[in-house]
């Protein structure tokens, strides 16, 4: 069973792009707290976070593309209503 993502076992879960976007938002908020900190450690963490944000943005776009592919091929997901997965094995 997944902890965060919607599946037939977890109909209250979220789409992958939603989870990634929430994480990205949290990182952005944390970045705002350290932007004025001029210590080397804070600068290094901020630089790392900026790289992570770029990677997360790429991941969000890929997840959205996958959702669009599945929507076009199989229609909207019914997993949140307890429906079967659109692809893969049960």
C-alpha atoms as a PDB file:
ATOM      1  CA  UNK A   1       0.000   0.000   0.000  1.00  0.00           C
ATOM      2  CA  UNK A   2       1.214   3.497  -0.761  1.00  0.00           C
ATOM      3  CA  UNK A   3       1.391   6.095   1.987  1.00  0.00           C
ATOM      4  CA  UNK A   4       0.731   9.225  -0.065  1.00  0.00           C
ATOM      5  CA  UNK A   5      -0.352   8.292  -3.576  1.00  0.00           C
ATOM      6  CA  UNK A   6      -3.870   7.410  -4.650  1.00  0.00           C
ATOM      7  CA  UNK A   7      -4.452   3.712  -5.276  1.00  0.00           C
ATOM      8  CA  UNK A   8      -7.450   1.454  -4.940  1.00  0.00           C
ATOM      9  CA  UNK A   9      -6.199   0.609  -1.432  1.00  0.00           C
ATOM     10  CA  UNK A  10      -5.607   4.301  -0.669  1.00  0.00           C
ATOM     11  CA  UNK A  11      -8.424   6.192  -2.408  1.00  0.00           C
ATOM     12  CA  UNK A  12      -7.773   9.268  -0.258  1.00  0.00           C
ATOM     13  CA  UNK A  13      -4.231   9.572  -1.617  1.00  0.00           C
ATOM     14  CA  UNK A  14      -2.976  12.248  -3.961  1.00  0.00           C
ATOM     15  CA  UNK A  15      -1.619  12.300  -7.495  1.00  0.00           C
ATOM     16  CA  UNK A  16       2.161  12.184  -7.749  1.00  0.00           C
ATOM     17  CA  UNK A  17       2.303  15.715  -9.147  1.00  0.00           C
ATOM     18  CA  UNK A  18       0.268  16.968  -6.187  1.00  0.00           C
ATOM     19  CA  UNK A  19       2.651  15.423  -3.647  1.00  0.00           C
ATOM     20  CA  UNK A  20       5.702  16.760  -5.482  1.00  0.00           C
ATOM     21  CA  UNK A  21       4.129  20.226  -5.703  1.00  0.00           C
ATOM     22  CA  UNK A  22       3.413  20.223  -1.951  1.00  0.00           C
ATOM     23  CA  UNK A  23       7.036  19.313  -1.223  1.00  0.00           C
ATOM     24  CA  UNK A  24       8.215  22.020  -3.608  1.00  0.00           C
ATOM     25  CA  UNK A  25       6.037  24.573  -1.824  1.00  0.00           C
ATOM     26  CA  UNK A  26       7.438  23.553   1.570  1.00  0.00           C
ATOM     27  CA  UNK A  27      11.005  23.916   0.303  1.00  0.00           C
ATOM     28  CA  UNK A  28      10.219  27.353  -1.106  1.00  0.00           C
ATOM     29  CA  UNK A  29       8.879  28.436   2.279  1.00  0.00           C
ATOM     30  CA  UNK A  30      12.004  27.163   4.022  1.00  0.00           C
ATOM     31  CA  UNK A  31      14.195  28.966   1.489  1.00  0.00           C
ATOM     32  CA  UNK A  32      12.458  32.202   2.382  1.00  0.00           C
ATOM     33  CA  UNK A  33      13.576  31.761   5.971  1.00  0.00           C
ATOM     34  CA  UNK A  34      17.272  31.534   5.114  1.00  0.00           C
ATOM     35  CA  UNK A  35      17.724  33.904   2.161  1.00  0.00           C
ATOM     36  CA  UNK A  36      19.147  36.670   4.353  1.00  0.00           C
ATOM     37  CA  UNK A  37      21.480  34.380   6.296  1.00  0.00           C
ATOM     38  CA  UNK A  38      24.968  35.101   4.961  1.00  0.00           C
ATOM     39  CA  UNK A  39      26.758  32.243   6.696  1.00  0.00           C
ATOM     40  CA  UNK A  40      28.465  29.760   4.399  1.00  0.00           C
ATOM     41  CA  UNK A  41      26.316  26.896   5.660  1.00  0.00           C
ATOM     42  CA  UNK A  42      23.083  28.769   4.945  1.00  0.00           C
ATOM     43  CA  UNK A  43      24.286  29.697   1.475  1.00  0.00           C
ATOM     44  CA  UNK A  44      25.215  26.073   0.757  1.00  0.00           C
ATOM     45  CA  UNK A  45      21.816  24.828   1.950  1.00  0.00           C
ATOM     46  CA  UNK A  46      20.044  27.480  -0.104  1.00  0.00           C
ATOM     47  CA  UNK A  47      22.046  26.509  -3.196  1.00  0.00           C
ATOM     48  CA  UNK A  48      21.202  22.845  -2.630  1.00  0.00           C
ATOM     49  CA  UNK A  49      17.532  23.698  -2.167  1.00  0.00           C
ATOM     50  CA  UNK A  50      17.502  25.678  -5.410  1.00  0.00           C
ATOM     51  CA  UNK A  51      18.883  22.669  -7.266  1.00  0.00           C
ATOM     52  CA  UNK A  52      16.316  20.416  -5.602  1.00  0.00           C
ATOM     53  CA  UNK A  53      13.534  22.830  -6.619  1.00  0.00           C
ATOM     54  CA  UNK A  54      14.631  22.615 -10.256  1.00  0.00           C
ATOM     55  CA  UNK A  55      14.650  18.822 -10.093  1.00  0.00           C
ATOM     56  CA  UNK A  56      11.234  18.789  -8.417  1.00  0.00           C
ATOM     57  CA  UNK A  57       9.842  21.062 -11.120  1.00  0.00           C
ATOM     58  CA  UNK A  58      11.094  18.624 -13.751  1.00  0.00           C
ATOM     59  CA  UNK A  59       9.518  15.762 -11.789  1.00  0.00           C
ATOM     60  CA  UNK A  60       6.174  17.604 -11.515  1.00  0.00           C
ATOM     61  CA  UNK A  61       6.151  18.126 -15.286  1.00  0.00           C
ATOM     62  CA  UNK A  62       6.909  14.442 -15.900  1.00  0.00           C
ATOM     63  CA  UNK A  63       4.181  13.346 -13.485  1.00  0.00           C
ATOM     64  CA  UNK A  64       1.681  15.686 -15.153  1.00  0.00           C
ATOM     65  CA  UNK A  65       2.657  14.256 -18.533  1.00  0.00           C
ATOM     66  CA  UNK A  66       2.065  10.714 -17.262  1.00  0.00           C
ATOM     67  CA  UNK A  67      -1.363  11.711 -15.932  1.00  0.00           C
ATOM     68  CA  UNK A  68      -2.222  13.273 -19.298  1.00  0.00           C
ATOM     69  CA  UNK A  69      -1.109  10.130 -21.143  1.00  0.00           C
ATOM     70  CA  UNK A  70      -3.260   7.933 -18.891  1.00  0.00           C
ATOM     71  CA  UNK A  71      -6.245  10.304 -19.117  1.00  0.00           C
ATOM     72  CA  UNK A  72      -6.113  10.275 -22.919  1.00  0.00           C
ATOM     73  CA  UNK A  73      -5.644   6.525 -23.191  1.00  0.00           C
ATOM     74  CA  UNK A  74      -7.963   5.276 -20.432  1.00  0.00           C
ATOM     75  CA  UNK A  75     -10.057   8.208 -19.245  1.00  0.00           C
ATOM     76  CA  UNK A  76      -9.974   9.811 -15.807  1.00  0.00           C
ATOM     77  CA  UNK A  77      -8.726   7.744 -12.898  1.00  0.00           C
ATOM     78  CA  UNK A  78     -11.373   6.124 -10.735  1.00  0.00           C
ATOM     79  CA  UNK A  79      -8.892   5.143  -7.988  1.00  0.00           C
ATOM     80  CA  UNK A  80     -10.178   7.826  -5.619  1.00  0.00           C
ATOM     81  CA  UNK A  81     -13.597   6.151  -5.883  1.00  0.00           C
ATOM     82  CA  UNK A  82     -12.182   2.684  -5.248  1.00  0.00           C
ATOM     83  CA  UNK A  83     -11.867   1.862  -8.937  1.00  0.00           C
ATOM     84  CA  UNK A  84      -9.188  -0.368 -10.443  1.00  0.00           C
ATOM     85  CA  UNK A  85      -5.815   0.942 -11.591  1.00  0.00           C
ATOM     86  CA  UNK A  86      -5.674   2.062 -15.199  1.00  0.00           C
ATOM     87  CA  UNK A  87      -2.401   0.212 -15.845  1.00  0.00           C
ATOM     88  CA  UNK A  88      -0.367  -2.433 -14.059  1.00  0.00           C
ATOM     89  CA  UNK A  89      -1.365  -5.474 -12.090  1.00  0.00           C
ATOM     90  CA  UNK A  90      -3.662  -5.594  -9.112  1.00  0.00           C
END
